[in-house]
C-alpha atoms as a PDB file:
ATOM      1  CA  MET A   1       1.861 -13.738  18.024  1.00  0.00           C
ATOM      2  CA  THR A   2       4.338 -12.201  15.854  1.00  0.00           C
ATOM      3  CA  THR A   3       3.877  -8.781  14.129  1.00  0.00           C
ATOM      4  CA  PRO A   4       3.498  -9.143  10.250  1.00  0.00           C
ATOM      5  CA  ILE A   5       6.138  -7.720   8.033  1.00  0.00           C
ATOM      6  CA  PHE A   6       4.963  -5.194   5.275  1.00  0.00           C
ATOM      7  CA  VAL A   7       6.828  -4.219   2.262  1.00  0.00           C
ATOM      8  CA  SER A   8       5.449  -1.295   0.275  1.00  0.00           C
ATOM      9  CA  ASN A   9       5.297   0.300  -3.259  1.00  0.00           C
ATOM     10  CA  SER A  10       5.225   4.199  -3.635  1.00  0.00           C
ATOM     11  CA  SER A  11       1.406   4.876  -4.127  1.00  0.00           C
ATOM     12  CA  PRO A  12       0.127   3.620  -0.874  1.00  0.00           C
ATOM     13  CA  ILE A  13       2.519   5.750   1.103  1.00  0.00           C
ATOM     14  CA  ILE A  14       1.926   8.794  -1.157  1.00  0.00           C
ATOM     15  CA  ALA A  15      -1.660   8.077  -0.664  1.00  0.00           C
ATOM     16  CA  PHE A  16      -1.422   8.188   3.120  1.00  0.00           C
ATOM     17  CA  GLU A  17       0.710  11.334   2.848  1.00  0.00           C
ATOM     18  CA  ASP A  18      -2.022  12.876   0.628  1.00  0.00           C
ATOM     19  CA  LEU A  19      -4.565  12.055   3.441  1.00  0.00           C
ATOM     20  CA  ASP A  20      -2.089  13.424   6.135  1.00  0.00           C
ATOM     21  CA  ALA A  21      -2.421  10.006   7.622  1.00  0.00           C
ATOM     22  CA  LEU A  22       1.091   8.637   7.575  1.00  0.00           C
ATOM     23  CA  ASP A  23       0.710   7.809  11.367  1.00  0.00           C
ATOM     24  CA  LEU A  24      -2.494   5.840  10.449  1.00  0.00           C
ATOM     25  CA  LEU A  25      -0.190   3.733   8.206  1.00  0.00           C
ATOM     26  CA  ARG A  26       2.216   3.387  11.099  1.00  0.00           C
ATOM     27  CA  GLN A  27      -0.410   2.154  13.543  1.00  0.00           C
ATOM     28  CA  LEU A  28      -1.605  -0.539  10.906  1.00  0.00           C
ATOM     29  CA  THR A  29       1.794  -1.714  10.182  1.00  0.00           C
ATOM     30  CA  ASN A  30       4.244  -0.848  12.887  1.00  0.00           C
ATOM     31  CA  ALA A  31       6.986  -0.873  10.256  1.00  0.00           C
ATOM     32  CA  VAL A  32       7.245  -0.717   6.475  1.00  0.00           C
ATOM     33  CA  TYR A  33      10.200  -1.761   4.428  1.00  0.00           C
ATOM     34  CA  VAL A  34      10.612  -0.104   1.096  1.00  0.00           C
ATOM     35  CA  PRO A  35      13.273  -0.810  -1.708  1.00  0.00           C
ATOM     36  CA  PRO A  36      15.509   2.072  -2.858  1.00  0.00           C
ATOM     37  CA  ALA A  37      13.353   3.146  -5.866  1.00  0.00           C
ATOM     38  CA  VAL A  38      10.469   3.615  -3.540  1.00  0.00           C
ATOM     39  CA  ARG A  39      12.398   5.666  -1.013  1.00  0.00           C
ATOM     40  CA  ARG A  40      13.535   7.928  -3.902  1.00  0.00           C
ATOM     41  CA  GLU A  41      10.150   8.408  -5.348  1.00  0.00           C
ATOM     42  CA  VAL A  42       8.313   8.957  -2.072  1.00  0.00           C
ATOM     43  CA  PHE A  43      10.831  10.836  -0.043  1.00  0.00           C
ATOM     44  CA  GLY A  44      13.520  12.278  -2.490  1.00  0.00           C
ATOM     45  CA  PRO A  45      16.030  13.896  -0.281  1.00  0.00           C
ATOM     46  CA  ARG A  46      13.731  14.334   2.836  1.00  0.00           C
ATOM     47  CA  SER A  47      14.319  11.857   5.585  1.00  0.00           C
ATOM     48  CA  MET A  48      12.013   8.916   6.094  1.00  0.00           C
ATOM     49  CA  PRO A  49       9.953   8.356   9.203  1.00  0.00           C
ATOM     50  CA  SER A  50      11.866   6.052  11.645  1.00  0.00           C
ATOM     51  CA  TRP A  51       9.344   3.261  11.107  1.00  0.00           C
ATOM     52  CA  VAL A  52      10.011   3.205   7.480  1.00  0.00           C
ATOM     53  CA  LYS A  53      13.066   1.043   6.637  1.00  0.00           C
ATOM     54  CA  GLU A  54      14.949   1.085   3.403  1.00  0.00           C
ATOM     55  CA  ARG A  55      16.132  -2.376   2.311  1.00  0.00           C
ATOM     56  CA  SER A  56      17.806  -3.384  -0.998  1.00  0.00           C
ATOM     57  CA  VAL A  57      16.870  -6.291  -3.075  1.00  0.00           C
ATOM     58  CA  SER A  58      19.549  -9.074  -2.525  1.00  0.00           C
ATOM     59  CA  HIS A  59      18.896 -10.946  -5.798  1.00  0.00           C
ATOM     60  CA  PRO A  60      18.492  -8.583  -8.725  1.00  0.00           C
ATOM     61  CA  ILE A  61      17.645 -11.415 -11.168  1.00  0.00           C
ATOM     62  CA  SER A  62      13.979 -11.299  -9.998  1.00  0.00           C
ATOM     63  CA  LEU A  63      14.124  -7.414 -11.031  1.00  0.00           C
ATOM     64  CA  ARG A  64      15.046  -8.178 -14.576  1.00  0.00           C
ATOM     65  CA  ALA A  65      12.079 -10.500 -14.789  1.00  0.00           C
ATOM     66  CA  LEU A  66       9.502  -7.922 -13.558  1.00  0.00           C
ATOM     67  CA  GLN A  67      10.771  -4.729 -15.186  1.00  0.00           C
ATOM     68  CA  PRO A  68       9.564  -5.179 -18.752  1.00  0.00           C
ATOM     69  CA  ARG A  69       6.012  -5.190 -17.436  1.00  0.00           C
ATOM     70  CA  LEU A  70       6.171  -2.874 -14.371  1.00  0.00           C
ATOM     71  CA  GLY A  71       8.029   0.241 -13.199  1.00  0.00           C
ATOM     72  CA  LEU A  72      11.335   0.043 -11.182  1.00  0.00           C
ATOM     73  CA  GLY A  73       9.464   0.731  -7.760  1.00  0.00           C
ATOM     74  CA  GLU A  74       6.713  -2.041  -8.292  1.00  0.00           C
ATOM     75  CA  SER A  75       9.578  -4.469  -9.457  1.00  0.00           C
ATOM     76  CA  GLU A  76      11.769  -3.759  -6.517  1.00  0.00           C
ATOM     77  CA  ALA A  77       8.759  -3.766  -4.121  1.00  0.00           C
ATOM     78  CA  ILE A  78       7.823  -7.227  -5.409  1.00  0.00           C
ATOM     79  CA  ALA A  79      11.233  -8.605  -5.442  1.00  0.00           C
ATOM     80  CA  LEU A  80      11.953  -7.430  -1.874  1.00  0.00           C
ATOM     81  CA  ALA A  81       8.601  -8.905  -0.705  1.00  0.00           C
ATOM     82  CA  LEU A  82       9.500 -12.332  -2.280  1.00  0.00           C
ATOM     83  CA  GLU A  83      12.839 -12.141  -0.442  1.00  0.00           C
ATOM     84  CA  MET A  84      11.068 -11.339   2.855  1.00  0.00           C
ATOM     85  CA  LEU A  85       8.282 -13.901   2.785  1.00  0.00           C
ATOM     86  CA  PRO A  86       6.153 -14.301   4.844  1.00  0.00           C
ATOM     87  CA  CYS A  87       5.086 -10.648   4.532  1.00  0.00           C
ATOM     88  CA  TYR A  88       2.457  -8.466   2.874  1.00  0.00           C
ATOM     89  CA  LEU A  89       3.014  -6.347   0.032  1.00  0.00           C
ATOM     90  CA  ILE A  90       1.207  -2.968   0.059  1.00  0.00           C
ATOM     91  CA  LEU A  91       0.635  -2.236  -3.603  1.00  0.00           C
ATOM     92  CA  ASP A  92      -2.216  -0.471  -5.561  1.00  0.00           C
ATOM     93  CA  ASP A  93      -1.097  -1.228  -9.213  1.00  0.00           C
ATOM     94  CA  LEU A  94      -3.199  -3.830 -10.872  1.00  0.00           C
ATOM     95  CA  ALA A  95      -0.565  -5.396 -13.113  1.00  0.00           C
ATOM     96  CA  GLY A  96       1.900  -5.401 -10.041  1.00  0.00           C
ATOM     97  CA  ARG A  97      -0.855  -7.041  -7.842  1.00  0.00           C
ATOM     98  CA  ARG A  98      -1.274  -9.727 -10.416  1.00  0.00           C
ATOM     99  CA  ALA A  99       2.456 -10.340 -10.788  1.00  0.00           C
ATOM    100  CA  ALA A 100       2.592 -10.515  -7.088  1.00  0.00           C
ATOM    101  CA  GLN A 101      -0.188 -12.808  -6.451  1.00  0.00           C
ATOM    102  CA  ALA A 102       0.920 -15.053  -9.017  1.00  0.00           C
ATOM    103  CA  MET A 103       4.121 -15.380  -7.019  1.00  0.00           C
ATOM    104  CA  LYS A 104       1.944 -16.182  -3.952  1.00  0.00           C
ATOM    105  CA  ILE A 105       2.726 -12.895  -2.160  1.00  0.00           C
ATOM    106  CA  PRO A 106      -0.190 -11.726  -0.137  1.00  0.00           C
ATOM    107  CA  VAL A 107      -1.197  -8.163  -1.403  1.00  0.00           C
ATOM    108  CA  VAL A 108      -3.258  -5.387   0.420  1.00  0.00           C
ATOM    109  CA  GLY A 109      -3.860  -2.000  -1.146  1.00  0.00           C
ATOM    110  CA  THR A 110      -4.450   1.435   0.296  1.00  0.00           C
ATOM    111  CA  ILE A 111      -8.231   0.960   0.221  1.00  0.00           C
ATOM    112  CA  GLY A 112      -7.832  -2.270   1.924  1.00  0.00           C
ATOM    113  CA  LEU A 113      -5.752  -0.573   4.723  1.00  0.00           C
ATOM    114  CA  LEU A 114      -8.207   2.076   4.994  1.00  0.00           C
ATOM    115  CA  ILE A 115     -11.026  -0.481   5.499  1.00  0.00           C
ATOM    116  CA  LEU A 116      -9.069  -2.247   8.101  1.00  0.00           C
ATOM    117  CA  ALA A 117      -8.263   1.237   9.889  1.00  0.00           C
ATOM    118  CA  ARG A 118     -12.031   1.802   9.942  1.00  0.00           C
ATOM    119  CA  GLN A 119     -12.779  -1.707  11.169  1.00  0.00           C
ATOM    120  CA  ARG A 120     -10.375  -1.147  14.209  1.00  0.00           C
ATOM    121  CA  ASN A 121     -11.847   2.269  14.925  1.00  0.00           C
ATOM    122  CA  LEU A 122      -8.632   4.105  13.798  1.00  0.00           C
ATOM    123  CA  LEU A 123     -10.945   6.163  11.457  1.00  0.00           C
ATOM    124  CA  ALA A 124     -14.309   7.542  12.291  1.00  0.00           C
ATOM    125  CA  ALA A 125     -15.493   7.063   8.577  1.00  0.00           C
ATOM    126  CA  ILE A 126     -13.819   5.951   5.421  1.00  0.00           C
ATOM    127  CA  LYS A 127     -15.722   7.958   2.958  1.00  0.00           C
ATOM    128  CA  PRO A 128     -13.892  11.264   3.567  1.00  0.00           C
ATOM    129  CA  SER A 129     -10.675   9.458   2.910  1.00  0.00           C
ATOM    130  CA  LEU A 130     -12.031   7.891  -0.256  1.00  0.00           C
ATOM    131  CA  ASP A 131     -13.339  11.282  -1.565  1.00  0.00           C
ATOM    132  CA  THR A 132     -10.019  12.981  -0.785  1.00  0.00           C
ATOM    133  CA  LEU A 133      -7.841  10.329  -2.737  1.00  0.00           C
ATOM    134  CA  MET A 134     -10.299  10.602  -5.682  1.00  0.00           C
ATOM    135  CA  LYS A 135      -9.782  14.292  -5.588  1.00  0.00           C
ATOM    136  CA  SER A 136      -5.998  13.686  -5.796  1.00  0.00           C
ATOM    137  CA  ASP A 137      -6.317  11.686  -9.037  1.00  0.00           C
ATOM    138  CA  PHE A 138      -6.000   8.208  -6.995  1.00  0.00           C
ATOM    139  CA  ARG A 139      -8.018   5.924  -9.141  1.00  0.00           C
ATOM    140  CA  ILE A 140     -10.897   4.157  -7.353  1.00  0.00           C
ATOM    141  CA  SER A 141     -13.558   2.329  -9.486  1.00  0.00           C
ATOM    142  CA  LYS A 142     -17.227   2.869  -8.409  1.00  0.00           C
ATOM    143  CA  ASP A 143     -17.444  -0.803  -7.610  1.00  0.00           C
ATOM    144  CA  LEU A 144     -14.366  -0.475  -5.180  1.00  0.00           C
ATOM    145  CA  TYR A 145     -15.763   2.792  -3.644  1.00  0.00           C
ATOM    146  CA  ARG A 146     -18.933   0.868  -2.919  1.00  0.00           C
ATOM    147  CA  LEU A 147     -17.339  -2.241  -1.697  1.00  0.00           C
ATOM    148  CA  ALA A 148     -15.107  -0.216   0.693  1.00  0.00           C
ATOM    149  CA  LEU A 149     -18.325   1.728   2.133  1.00  0.00           C
ATOM    150  CA  ARG A 150     -19.982  -1.635   2.656  1.00  0.00           C
ATOM    151  CA  ALA A 151     -16.950  -3.197   4.212  1.00  0.00           C
ATOM    152  CA  SER A 152     -16.832  -0.358   6.492  1.00  0.00           C
ATOM    153  CA  GLY A 153     -20.530  -0.158   7.361  1.00  0.00           C
ATOM    154  CA  GLU A 154     -21.107   3.071   5.759  1.00  0.00           C
ATOM    155  CA  TRP A 155     -22.991   2.094   2.535  1.00  0.00           C
ATOM    156  CA  ALA A 156     -26.517   2.534   4.187  1.00  0.00           C
ATOM    157  CA  GLU A 157     -25.511   6.052   5.288  1.00  0.00           C
ATOM    158  CA  ALA A 158     -24.133   7.023   1.816  1.00  0.00           C
ATOM    159  CA  GLN A 159     -27.734   5.976   0.499  1.00  0.00           C
ATOM    160  CA  ILE A 160     -29.673   8.307   2.538  1.00  0.00           C
END
């Protein structure tokens, strides 16, 4: 079985940094490819972890089609994922997710990765992570919050 390829936008990496859980992201993905705009936005002058790989977009024409609707990071991440198919795109932005899904790129978000981590017993509980993200201005709807707790088997515990 081959290891899936992951391309990421900025917000999921920033969210895992906010959770002090970059190693958890590494455990879930093994390696993450990021375009230059994402590297600059997330890491700036800092060095990246060895498992985060910067890769430029080869065909900038796809960027021009995406940029009027999306930011540079989202546009580059989608364009890179399109070039690297088959892969998963780690992306939270709704407009970006819709654009990627319209291009048949499989998308997973920060919450989806946290659910996966909980299901693989890499996290003891997902609720503390969700609460921390919400305190750091990460947008999580009430429905998504409940869905994540249910998918992680924590909804009944939260109701007590």
